[in-house]
Amino acid sequence: MALQYVTFCTVDELPSGSREVFDLETMSILLMNVNGTYYAVENMCSHEEYELHEGELDGCILECPKHSATFDIRSGEALTAPAFSPIRIFPVKVEGNDVQVGLNLD
């Protein structure tokens, strides 16, 4: 599969400290702006199928709102139980004014 960058929003639509969920056909992606750096993760906890978008975000640490597992949104690494598996992350780049997420689309 080839990595393709897809525009999700503009930088103006996702200011620092905000997040947005984008529902695709096969998954839901949570896009976040942390102090001007953009991160994208699959919007699903690896411990139990529960959406992450309402979880607390402390710097780059995202907490699952259901069982309080935490994840590093830079690497996807599970930091605390009950999650032991990482969450899926996606590369993000800004092209002009567009925030783009790298997806395998084939």
N, C-alpha and C. Protein backbone atom coordinates (compact mmCIF):
# COMPACT_ATOMS: atom_id res chain seq x y z
N MET A 1 0.84 -1.19 0.00
CA MET A 1 0.00 0.00 0.00
C MET A 1 0.87 1.25 0.00
N ALA A 2 0.49 2.21 -0.76
CA ALA A 2 1.24 3.45 -0.87
C ALA A 2 0.68 4.50 0.09
N LEU A 3 1.58 5.17 0.78
CA LEU A 3 1.19 6.24 1.68
C LEU A 3 0.79 7.45 0.87
N GLN A 4 -0.40 7.96 1.14
CA GLN A 4 -0.90 9.16 0.47
C GLN A 4 -1.33 10.15 1.54
N TYR A 5 -0.99 11.41 1.33
CA TYR A 5 -1.40 12.45 2.28
C TYR A 5 -2.75 13.02 1.85
N VAL A 6 -3.67 13.07 2.81
CA VAL A 6 -5.03 13.53 2.57
C VAL A 6 -5.27 14.75 3.45
N THR A 7 -5.82 15.82 2.86
CA THR A 7 -6.13 17.02 3.62
C THR A 7 -7.35 16.76 4.50
N PHE A 8 -7.19 17.01 5.80
CA PHE A 8 -8.28 16.84 6.76
C PHE A 8 -8.91 18.18 7.12
N CYS A 9 -8.09 19.24 7.19
CA CYS A 9 -8.61 20.56 7.56
C CYS A 9 -7.52 21.59 7.25
N THR A 10 -7.80 22.85 7.56
CA THR A 10 -6.79 23.89 7.44
C THR A 10 -6.24 24.18 8.83
N VAL A 11 -5.09 24.83 8.88
CA VAL A 11 -4.50 25.18 10.18
C VAL A 11 -5.42 26.09 10.97
N ASP A 12 -6.19 26.94 10.30
CA ASP A 12 -7.12 27.84 10.98
C ASP A 12 -8.28 27.08 11.62
N GLU A 13 -8.62 25.93 11.07
CA GLU A 13 -9.74 25.15 11.60
C GLU A 13 -9.36 24.30 12.81
N LEU A 14 -8.06 24.17 13.08
CA LEU A 14 -7.60 23.37 14.20
C LEU A 14 -6.52 24.13 14.97
N PRO A 15 -6.96 25.15 15.74
CA PRO A 15 -5.98 25.96 16.48
C PRO A 15 -5.32 25.16 17.61
N SER A 16 -4.23 25.69 18.12
CA SER A 16 -3.51 25.04 19.21
C SER A 16 -4.44 24.73 20.38
N GLY A 17 -4.32 23.51 20.89
CA GLY A 17 -5.15 23.07 22.01
C GLY A 17 -6.46 22.43 21.60
N SER A 18 -6.70 22.32 20.30
CA SER A 18 -7.97 21.74 19.86
C SER A 18 -7.76 20.36 19.23
N ARG A 19 -8.86 19.68 19.04
CA ARG A 19 -8.85 18.36 18.41
C ARG A 19 -10.13 18.17 17.62
N GLU A 20 -10.07 17.27 16.67
CA GLU A 20 -11.23 17.00 15.81
C GLU A 20 -11.21 15.53 15.40
N VAL A 21 -12.39 14.96 15.32
CA VAL A 21 -12.54 13.57 14.89
C VAL A 21 -12.96 13.56 13.43
N PHE A 22 -12.31 12.69 12.66
CA PHE A 22 -12.64 12.52 11.25
C PHE A 22 -12.99 11.06 11.04
N ASP A 23 -14.23 10.80 10.67
CA ASP A 23 -14.70 9.44 10.45
C ASP A 23 -14.52 9.06 8.99
N LEU A 24 -13.70 8.04 8.77
CA LEU A 24 -13.47 7.51 7.43
C LEU A 24 -14.29 6.24 7.28
N GLU A 25 -14.26 5.64 6.12
CA GLU A 25 -15.02 4.42 5.89
C GLU A 25 -14.58 3.28 6.80
N THR A 26 -13.28 3.16 7.02
CA THR A 26 -12.75 2.02 7.75
C THR A 26 -12.32 2.31 9.18
N MET A 27 -12.26 3.59 9.56
CA MET A 27 -11.82 3.94 10.91
C MET A 27 -12.15 5.39 11.22
N SER A 28 -11.93 5.73 12.47
CA SER A 28 -12.09 7.10 12.95
C SER A 28 -10.71 7.59 13.38
N ILE A 29 -10.35 8.80 12.94
CA ILE A 29 -9.05 9.37 13.26
C ILE A 29 -9.23 10.62 14.10
N LEU A 30 -8.45 10.69 15.18
CA LEU A 30 -8.44 11.86 16.05
C LEU A 30 -7.22 12.69 15.69
N LEU A 31 -7.46 13.93 15.25
CA LEU A 31 -6.40 14.85 14.88
C LEU A 31 -6.32 15.92 15.95
N MET A 32 -5.11 16.16 16.48
CA MET A 32 -4.91 17.09 17.59
C MET A 32 -3.81 18.09 17.26
N ASN A 33 -3.95 19.30 17.81
CA ASN A 33 -2.93 20.33 17.69
C ASN A 33 -2.41 20.60 19.10
N VAL A 34 -1.17 20.21 19.35
CA VAL A 34 -0.54 20.43 20.64
C VAL A 34 0.57 21.46 20.45
N ASN A 35 0.29 22.68 20.86
CA ASN A 35 1.27 23.78 20.76
C ASN A 35 1.83 23.94 19.35
N GLY A 36 0.97 23.82 18.35
CA GLY A 36 1.38 24.03 16.96
C GLY A 36 1.91 22.80 16.25
N THR A 37 1.99 21.67 16.95
CA THR A 37 2.39 20.41 16.33
C THR A 37 1.15 19.53 16.22
N TYR A 38 0.97 18.94 15.06
CA TYR A 38 -0.21 18.13 14.80
C TYR A 38 0.09 16.65 14.96
N TYR A 39 -0.86 15.94 15.58
CA TYR A 39 -0.75 14.50 15.80
C TYR A 39 -2.05 13.85 15.37
N ALA A 40 -1.94 12.67 14.79
CA ALA A 40 -3.13 11.91 14.39
C ALA A 40 -3.01 10.48 14.92
N VAL A 41 -4.08 10.01 15.56
CA VAL A 41 -4.13 8.65 16.07
C VAL A 41 -5.47 8.04 15.72
N GLU A 42 -5.50 6.72 15.68
CA GLU A 42 -6.79 6.06 15.51
C GLU A 42 -7.59 6.34 16.77
N ASN A 43 -8.84 6.71 16.59
CA ASN A 43 -9.70 7.14 17.69
C ASN A 43 -10.30 5.94 18.42
N MET A 44 -9.42 4.99 18.82
CA MET A 44 -9.90 3.78 19.47
C MET A 44 -8.83 3.28 20.45
N CYS A 45 -9.26 3.04 21.67
CA CYS A 45 -8.36 2.51 22.69
C CYS A 45 -7.96 1.08 22.31
N SER A 46 -6.71 0.75 22.56
CA SER A 46 -6.23 -0.60 22.23
C SER A 46 -6.63 -1.62 23.29
N HIS A 47 -7.03 -1.17 24.44
CA HIS A 47 -7.44 -2.08 25.51
C HIS A 47 -8.84 -2.61 25.28
N GLU A 48 -9.73 -1.73 24.94
CA GLU A 48 -11.13 -2.10 24.72
C GLU A 48 -11.65 -1.13 23.67
N GLU A 49 -12.50 -1.58 22.81
CA GLU A 49 -12.98 -0.69 21.76
C GLU A 49 -13.80 0.44 22.35
N TYR A 50 -13.12 1.55 22.60
CA TYR A 50 -13.76 2.74 23.16
C TYR A 50 -13.05 3.95 22.56
N GLU A 51 -13.82 4.94 22.12
CA GLU A 51 -13.26 6.10 21.45
C GLU A 51 -12.47 6.97 22.42
N LEU A 52 -11.37 7.51 21.92
CA LEU A 52 -10.44 8.29 22.74
C LEU A 52 -10.69 9.79 22.72
N HIS A 53 -11.48 10.29 21.79
CA HIS A 53 -11.57 11.74 21.57
C HIS A 53 -12.03 12.56 22.76
N GLU A 54 -12.72 11.97 23.72
CA GLU A 54 -13.17 12.71 24.89
C GLU A 54 -12.21 12.58 26.07
N GLY A 55 -11.10 11.89 25.86
CA GLY A 55 -10.13 11.70 26.92
C GLY A 55 -9.31 12.94 27.21
N GLU A 56 -8.79 13.02 28.42
CA GLU A 56 -7.91 14.14 28.81
C GLU A 56 -6.61 14.08 28.01
N LEU A 57 -6.14 15.25 27.59
CA LEU A 57 -4.88 15.35 26.88
C LEU A 57 -3.97 16.25 27.70
N ASP A 58 -2.89 15.69 28.21
CA ASP A 58 -1.92 16.43 29.01
C ASP A 58 -0.60 16.43 28.25
N GLY A 59 -0.32 17.53 27.56
CA GLY A 59 0.84 17.55 26.67
C GLY A 59 0.62 16.56 25.55
N CYS A 60 1.46 15.54 25.48
CA CYS A 60 1.32 14.51 24.45
C CYS A 60 0.82 13.19 25.02
N ILE A 61 0.24 13.23 26.21
CA ILE A 61 -0.29 12.03 26.84
C ILE A 61 -1.82 12.08 26.80
N LEU A 62 -2.41 11.11 26.15
CA LEU A 62 -3.86 11.02 25.99
C LEU A 62 -4.39 9.90 26.87
N GLU A 63 -5.41 10.22 27.65
CA GLU A 63 -6.01 9.25 28.56
C GLU A 63 -7.33 8.75 28.01
N CYS A 64 -7.53 7.45 28.02
CA CYS A 64 -8.81 6.88 27.61
C CYS A 64 -9.86 7.25 28.65
N PRO A 65 -11.00 7.77 28.22
CA PRO A 65 -12.02 8.18 29.18
C PRO A 65 -12.74 7.02 29.86
N LYS A 66 -12.56 5.80 29.37
CA LYS A 66 -13.29 4.67 29.97
C LYS A 66 -12.53 4.03 31.13
N HIS A 67 -11.28 3.63 30.91
CA HIS A 67 -10.54 2.92 31.96
C HIS A 67 -9.24 3.61 32.36
N SER A 68 -9.01 4.82 31.87
CA SER A 68 -7.86 5.66 32.24
C SER A 68 -6.50 5.15 31.76
N ALA A 69 -6.47 4.27 30.79
CA ALA A 69 -5.19 3.91 30.17
C ALA A 69 -4.65 5.16 29.49
N THR A 70 -3.33 5.29 29.46
CA THR A 70 -2.74 6.46 28.81
C THR A 70 -1.82 6.04 27.66
N PHE A 71 -1.73 6.94 26.68
CA PHE A 71 -0.95 6.69 25.47
C PHE A 71 -0.15 7.93 25.11
N ASP A 72 1.04 7.71 24.57
CA ASP A 72 1.85 8.80 24.03
C ASP A 72 1.42 9.00 22.58
N ILE A 73 0.86 10.16 22.26
CA ILE A 73 0.34 10.38 20.91
C ILE A 73 1.45 10.57 19.88
N ARG A 74 2.69 10.73 20.33
CA ARG A 74 3.81 10.83 19.39
C ARG A 74 4.22 9.47 18.85
N SER A 75 4.13 8.45 19.68
CA SER A 75 4.59 7.10 19.31
C SER A 75 3.47 6.07 19.29
N GLY A 76 2.37 6.37 19.97
CA GLY A 76 1.28 5.41 20.11
C GLY A 76 1.46 4.48 21.30
N GLU A 77 2.62 4.56 21.95
CA GLU A 77 2.94 3.64 23.06
C GLU A 77 1.91 3.70 24.18
N ALA A 78 1.52 2.51 24.65
CA ALA A 78 0.65 2.41 25.83
C ALA A 78 1.53 2.64 27.05
N LEU A 79 1.15 3.60 27.90
CA LEU A 79 1.98 3.97 29.04
C LEU A 79 1.49 3.38 30.35
N THR A 80 0.19 3.14 30.47
CA THR A 80 -0.35 2.60 31.71
C THR A 80 -1.41 1.54 31.43
N ALA A 81 -1.52 0.63 32.38
CA ALA A 81 -2.56 -0.40 32.31
C ALA A 81 -3.92 0.30 32.47
N PRO A 82 -4.96 -0.30 31.95
CA PRO A 82 -5.04 -1.67 31.48
C PRO A 82 -4.62 -1.88 30.02
N ALA A 83 -4.14 -0.85 29.36
CA ALA A 83 -3.69 -1.02 27.98
C ALA A 83 -2.22 -1.44 27.94
N PHE A 84 -1.93 -2.41 27.10
CA PHE A 84 -0.55 -2.86 26.93
C PHE A 84 -0.11 -2.76 25.47
N SER A 85 -1.05 -2.68 24.56
CA SER A 85 -0.76 -2.55 23.13
C SER A 85 -0.82 -1.08 22.73
N PRO A 86 0.01 -0.67 21.78
CA PRO A 86 -0.01 0.72 21.32
C PRO A 86 -1.26 1.02 20.51
N ILE A 87 -1.55 2.31 20.39
CA ILE A 87 -2.59 2.75 19.46
C ILE A 87 -1.91 3.10 18.14
N ARG A 88 -2.68 3.07 17.09
CA ARG A 88 -2.14 3.36 15.76
C ARG A 88 -1.98 4.87 15.59
N ILE A 89 -0.82 5.27 15.08
CA ILE A 89 -0.57 6.67 14.80
C ILE A 89 -0.38 6.86 13.29
N PHE A 90 -0.54 8.11 12.85
CA PHE A 90 -0.42 8.44 11.44
C PHE A 90 0.47 9.66 11.29
N PRO A 91 1.30 9.70 10.24
CA PRO A 91 2.12 10.89 10.02
C PRO A 91 1.25 12.08 9.62
N VAL A 92 1.65 13.26 10.05
CA VAL A 92 0.92 14.49 9.74
C VAL A 92 1.91 15.52 9.21
N LYS A 93 1.49 16.26 8.20
CA LYS A 93 2.31 17.36 7.69
C LYS A 93 1.39 18.53 7.34
N VAL A 94 1.99 19.71 7.35
CA VAL A 94 1.27 20.91 6.92
C VAL A 94 1.82 21.29 5.56
N GLU A 95 0.93 21.37 4.60
CA GLU A 95 1.28 21.73 3.23
C GLU A 95 0.54 23.03 2.90
N GLY A 96 1.27 24.14 2.89
CA GLY A 96 0.61 25.44 2.74
C GLY A 96 -0.22 25.71 3.98
N ASN A 97 -1.53 25.79 3.81
CA ASN A 97 -2.45 26.01 4.93
C ASN A 97 -3.21 24.73 5.30
N ASP A 98 -2.91 23.64 4.60
CA ASP A 98 -3.64 22.38 4.80
C ASP A 98 -2.93 21.46 5.79
N VAL A 99 -3.70 20.86 6.68
CA VAL A 99 -3.20 19.84 7.58
C VAL A 99 -3.51 18.50 6.93
N GLN A 100 -2.47 17.73 6.63
CA GLN A 100 -2.63 16.49 5.90
C GLN A 100 -2.17 15.30 6.73
N VAL A 101 -2.91 14.21 6.62
CA VAL A 101 -2.62 12.98 7.34
C VAL A 101 -2.23 11.91 6.33
N GLY A 102 -1.16 11.18 6.61
CA GLY A 102 -0.69 10.12 5.73
C GLY A 102 -1.47 8.84 5.97
N LEU A 103 -2.10 8.35 4.91
CA LEU A 103 -2.92 7.13 4.97
C LEU A 103 -2.48 6.16 3.89
N ASN A 104 -2.62 4.88 4.17
CA ASN A 104 -2.40 3.86 3.14
C ASN A 104 -3.72 3.64 2.43
N LEU A 105 -3.83 4.18 1.24
CA LEU A 105 -5.07 4.12 0.48
C LEU A 105 -4.87 3.32 -0.79
N ASP A 106 -5.26 2.09 -0.75
CA ASP A 106 -5.21 1.25 -1.95
C ASP A 106 -6.35 0.29 -1.96
